[in-house]
Amino acid sequence: MKRIQAEYPFEDYWLYVVMHKGENRRMANLVKKNTGSAERITISYARYLMSALLKRFLTKEEHVDHIDNNSLNDTLTNLQILSPE
Protein backbone atom coordinates (compact mmCIF):
# COMPACT_ATOMS: atom_id res chain seq x y z
CA MET A 1 0.00 0.00 0.00
CA LYS A 2 1.49 3.32 -1.08
CA ARG A 3 1.36 6.35 1.20
CA ILE A 4 0.77 9.77 -0.32
CA GLN A 5 1.06 13.23 1.16
CA ALA A 6 -2.55 14.23 1.89
CA GLU A 7 -3.82 17.57 0.61
CA TYR A 8 -5.09 20.52 2.65
CA PRO A 9 -6.97 20.44 5.04
CA PHE A 10 -5.37 17.06 5.83
CA GLU A 11 -1.78 18.20 5.25
CA ASP A 12 -0.59 16.74 8.59
CA TYR A 13 -1.55 13.23 7.45
CA TRP A 14 -0.35 10.50 5.13
CA LEU A 15 -3.07 9.26 2.79
CA TYR A 16 -3.62 5.58 2.05
CA VAL A 17 -6.42 4.85 -0.43
CA VAL A 18 -7.97 1.43 0.18
CA MET A 19 -10.96 -0.46 -1.18
CA HIS A 20 -13.86 -1.20 1.19
CA LYS A 21 -15.15 -4.38 -0.38
CA GLY A 22 -18.31 -4.58 1.73
CA GLU A 23 -19.50 -1.16 0.57
CA ASN A 24 -17.81 -1.29 -2.87
CA ARG A 25 -16.19 2.12 -2.45
CA ARG A 26 -12.76 3.63 -1.90
CA MET A 27 -11.84 4.80 1.57
CA ALA A 28 -9.22 7.33 2.65
CA ASN A 29 -7.16 6.14 5.60
CA LEU A 30 -5.40 9.21 6.96
CA VAL A 31 -2.55 8.58 9.41
CA LYS A 32 -1.11 11.49 11.41
CA LYS A 33 2.53 12.20 10.54
CA ASN A 34 5.35 12.64 13.04
CA THR A 35 3.54 11.33 16.11
CA GLY A 36 4.30 8.42 18.35
CA SER A 37 0.66 7.40 18.34
CA ALA A 38 -1.29 5.81 15.52
CA GLU A 39 -3.80 8.65 15.20
CA ARG A 40 -5.97 7.77 12.24
CA ILE A 41 -9.03 9.09 10.41
CA THR A 42 -11.01 6.95 7.98
CA ILE A 43 -13.48 8.63 5.65
CA SER A 44 -14.82 7.92 2.18
CA TYR A 45 -12.39 8.85 -0.57
CA ALA A 46 -15.13 11.00 -2.15
CA ARG A 47 -15.43 12.99 1.10
CA TYR A 48 -11.65 13.42 1.19
CA LEU A 49 -11.64 14.69 -2.41
CA MET A 50 -14.41 17.23 -1.76
CA SER A 51 -12.63 18.50 1.38
CA ALA A 52 -9.43 18.96 -0.62
CA LEU A 53 -11.32 20.69 -3.46
CA LEU A 54 -13.13 23.09 -1.12
CA LYS A 55 -10.02 23.56 1.10
CA ARG A 56 -12.01 22.88 4.28
CA PHE A 57 -13.35 20.09 6.44
CA LEU A 58 -16.92 19.11 5.60
CA THR A 59 -19.47 19.33 8.39
CA LYS A 60 -21.23 16.24 9.72
CA GLU A 61 -24.42 17.46 8.02
CA GLU A 62 -22.77 17.59 4.57
CA HIS A 63 -22.84 14.35 2.60
CA VAL A 64 -20.96 13.66 -0.62
CA ASP A 65 -23.19 12.15 -3.29
CA HIS A 66 -22.16 10.35 -6.47
CA ILE A 67 -24.36 11.88 -9.16
CA ASP A 68 -24.33 8.73 -11.31
CA ASN A 69 -24.86 6.46 -8.25
CA ASN A 70 -21.57 4.68 -9.02
CA SER A 71 -19.61 4.74 -5.76
CA LEU A 72 -16.40 3.90 -7.64
CA ASN A 73 -16.65 6.97 -9.90
CA ASP A 74 -14.80 9.48 -7.73
CA THR A 75 -14.20 12.05 -10.46
CA LEU A 76 -14.87 15.55 -9.14
CA THR A 77 -17.47 16.22 -11.84
CA ASN A 78 -19.46 13.27 -10.48
CA LEU A 79 -19.49 14.46 -6.86
CA GLN A 80 -21.84 16.88 -5.16
CA ILE A 81 -22.50 17.92 -1.59
CA LEU A 82 -25.94 17.29 -0.17
CA SER A 83 -27.30 18.49 3.14
CA PRO A 84 -30.47 17.53 5.01
CA GLU A 85 -32.16 20.73 3.81
C-alpha atoms as a PDB file:
ATOM      1  CA  MET A   1       0.000   0.000   0.000  1.00  0.00           C
ATOM      2  CA  LYS A   2       1.492   3.319  -1.077  1.00  0.00           C
ATOM      3  CA  ARG A   3       1.361   6.347   1.203  1.00  0.00           C
ATOM      4  CA  ILE A   4       0.769   9.772  -0.324  1.00  0.00           C
ATOM      5  CA  GLN A   5       1.061  13.226   1.162  1.00  0.00           C
ATOM      6  CA  ALA A   6      -2.554  14.231   1.893  1.00  0.00           C
ATOM      7  CA  GLU A   7      -3.825  17.570   0.609  1.00  0.00           C
ATOM      8  CA  TYR A   8      -5.085  20.518   2.653  1.00  0.00           C
ATOM      9  CA  PRO A   9      -6.970  20.442   5.040  1.00  0.00           C
ATOM     10  CA  PHE A  10      -5.373  17.055   5.834  1.00  0.00           C
ATOM     11  CA  GLU A  11      -1.782  18.198   5.245  1.00  0.00           C
ATOM     12  CA  ASP A  12      -0.591  16.743   8.586  1.00  0.00           C
ATOM     13  CA  TYR A  13      -1.548  13.232   7.453  1.00  0.00           C
ATOM     14  CA  TRP A  14      -0.349  10.496   5.133  1.00  0.00           C
ATOM     15  CA  LEU A  15      -3.069   9.255   2.790  1.00  0.00           C
ATOM     16  CA  TYR A  16      -3.620   5.584   2.048  1.00  0.00           C
ATOM     17  CA  VAL A  17      -6.421   4.850  -0.432  1.00  0.00           C
ATOM     18  CA  VAL A  18      -7.970   1.430   0.176  1.00  0.00           C
ATOM     19  CA  MET A  19     -10.956  -0.456  -1.175  1.00  0.00           C
ATOM     20  CA  HIS A  20     -13.856  -1.199   1.187  1.00  0.00           C
ATOM     21  CA  LYS A  21     -15.155  -4.379  -0.384  1.00  0.00           C
ATOM     22  CA  GLY A  22     -18.307  -4.578   1.732  1.00  0.00           C
ATOM     23  CA  GLU A  23     -19.499  -1.159   0.567  1.00  0.00           C
ATOM     24  CA  ASN A  24     -17.810  -1.292  -2.871  1.00  0.00           C
ATOM     25  CA  ARG A  25     -16.187   2.120  -2.449  1.00  0.00           C
ATOM     26  CA  ARG A  26     -12.760   3.626  -1.905  1.00  0.00           C
ATOM     27  CA  MET A  27     -11.839   4.805   1.565  1.00  0.00           C
ATOM     28  CA  ALA A  28      -9.216   7.334   2.647  1.00  0.00           C
ATOM     29  CA  ASN A  29      -7.163   6.142   5.599  1.00  0.00           C
ATOM     30  CA  LEU A  30      -5.395   9.212   6.959  1.00  0.00           C
ATOM     31  CA  VAL A  31      -2.553   8.582   9.413  1.00  0.00           C
ATOM     32  CA  LYS A  32      -1.113  11.490  11.409  1.00  0.00           C
ATOM     33  CA  LYS A  33       2.525  12.204  10.543  1.00  0.00           C
ATOM     34  CA  ASN A  34       5.351  12.637  13.039  1.00  0.00           C
ATOM     35  CA  THR A  35       3.543  11.333  16.109  1.00  0.00           C
ATOM     36  CA  GLY A  36       4.298   8.419  18.354  1.00  0.00           C
ATOM     37  CA  SER A  37       0.659   7.398  18.335  1.00  0.00           C
ATOM     38  CA  ALA A  38      -1.285   5.809  15.517  1.00  0.00           C
ATOM     39  CA  GLU A  39      -3.797   8.645  15.195  1.00  0.00           C
ATOM     40  CA  ARG A  40      -5.973   7.766  12.237  1.00  0.00           C
ATOM     41  CA  ILE A  41      -9.030   9.091  10.412  1.00  0.00           C
ATOM     42  CA  THR A  42     -11.012   6.946   7.982  1.00  0.00           C
ATOM     43  CA  ILE A  43     -13.482   8.634   5.645  1.00  0.00           C
ATOM     44  CA  SER A  44     -14.824   7.917   2.183  1.00  0.00           C
ATOM     45  CA  TYR A  45     -12.387   8.850  -0.569  1.00  0.00           C
ATOM     46  CA  ALA A  46     -15.130  11.002  -2.149  1.00  0.00           C
ATOM     47  CA  ARG A  47     -15.433  12.987   1.101  1.00  0.00           C
ATOM     48  CA  TYR A  48     -11.647  13.421   1.193  1.00  0.00           C
ATOM     49  CA  LEU A  49     -11.641  14.691  -2.412  1.00  0.00           C
ATOM     50  CA  MET A  50     -14.407  17.231  -1.755  1.00  0.00           C
ATOM     51  CA  SER A  51     -12.633  18.496   1.384  1.00  0.00           C
ATOM     52  CA  ALA A  52      -9.431  18.960  -0.621  1.00  0.00           C
ATOM     53  CA  LEU A  53     -11.317  20.694  -3.459  1.00  0.00           C
ATOM     54  CA  LEU A  54     -13.129  23.090  -1.116  1.00  0.00           C
ATOM     55  CA  LYS A  55     -10.021  23.561   1.097  1.00  0.00           C
ATOM     56  CA  ARG A  56     -12.006  22.880   4.280  1.00  0.00           C
ATOM     57  CA  PHE A  57     -13.351  20.092   6.439  1.00  0.00           C
ATOM     58  CA  LEU A  58     -16.915  19.108   5.602  1.00  0.00           C
ATOM     59  CA  THR A  59     -19.472  19.328   8.386  1.00  0.00           C
ATOM     60  CA  LYS A  60     -21.229  16.241   9.722  1.00  0.00           C
ATOM     61  CA  GLU A  61     -24.422  17.465   8.015  1.00  0.00           C
ATOM     62  CA  GLU A  62     -22.768  17.587   4.572  1.00  0.00           C
ATOM     63  CA  HIS A  63     -22.841  14.346   2.598  1.00  0.00           C
ATOM     64  CA  VAL A  64     -20.960  13.656  -0.622  1.00  0.00           C
ATOM     65  CA  ASP A  65     -23.188  12.145  -3.291  1.00  0.00           C
ATOM     66  CA  HIS A  66     -22.158  10.345  -6.466  1.00  0.00           C
ATOM     67  CA  ILE A  67     -24.357  11.881  -9.155  1.00  0.00           C
ATOM     68  CA  ASP A  68     -24.331   8.732 -11.314  1.00  0.00           C
ATOM     69  CA  ASN A  69     -24.862   6.460  -8.247  1.00  0.00           C
ATOM     70  CA  ASN A  70     -21.572   4.679  -9.023  1.00  0.00           C
ATOM     71  CA  SER A  71     -19.611   4.743  -5.762  1.00  0.00           C
ATOM     72  CA  LEU A  72     -16.397   3.905  -7.638  1.00  0.00           C
ATOM     73  CA  ASN A  73     -16.654   6.966  -9.900  1.00  0.00           C
ATOM     74  CA  ASP A  74     -14.805   9.482  -7.735  1.00  0.00           C
ATOM     75  CA  THR A  75     -14.200  12.048 -10.459  1.00  0.00           C
ATOM     76  CA  LEU A  76     -14.874  15.553  -9.139  1.00  0.00           C
ATOM     77  CA  THR A  77     -17.471  16.217 -11.837  1.00  0.00           C
ATOM     78  CA  ASN A  78     -19.458  13.266 -10.477  1.00  0.00           C
ATOM     79  CA  LEU A  79     -19.486  14.459  -6.857  1.00  0.00           C
ATOM     80  CA  GLN A  80     -21.845  16.875  -5.165  1.00  0.00           C
ATOM     81  CA  ILE A  81     -22.498  17.921  -1.593  1.00  0.00           C
ATOM     82  CA  LEU A  82     -25.939  17.290  -0.175  1.00  0.00           C
ATOM     83  CA  SER A  83     -27.304  18.486   3.137  1.00  0.00           C
ATOM     84  CA  PRO A  84     -30.472  17.532   5.012  1.00  0.00           C
ATOM     85  CA  GLU A  85     -32.163  20.731   3.808  1.00  0.00           C
END
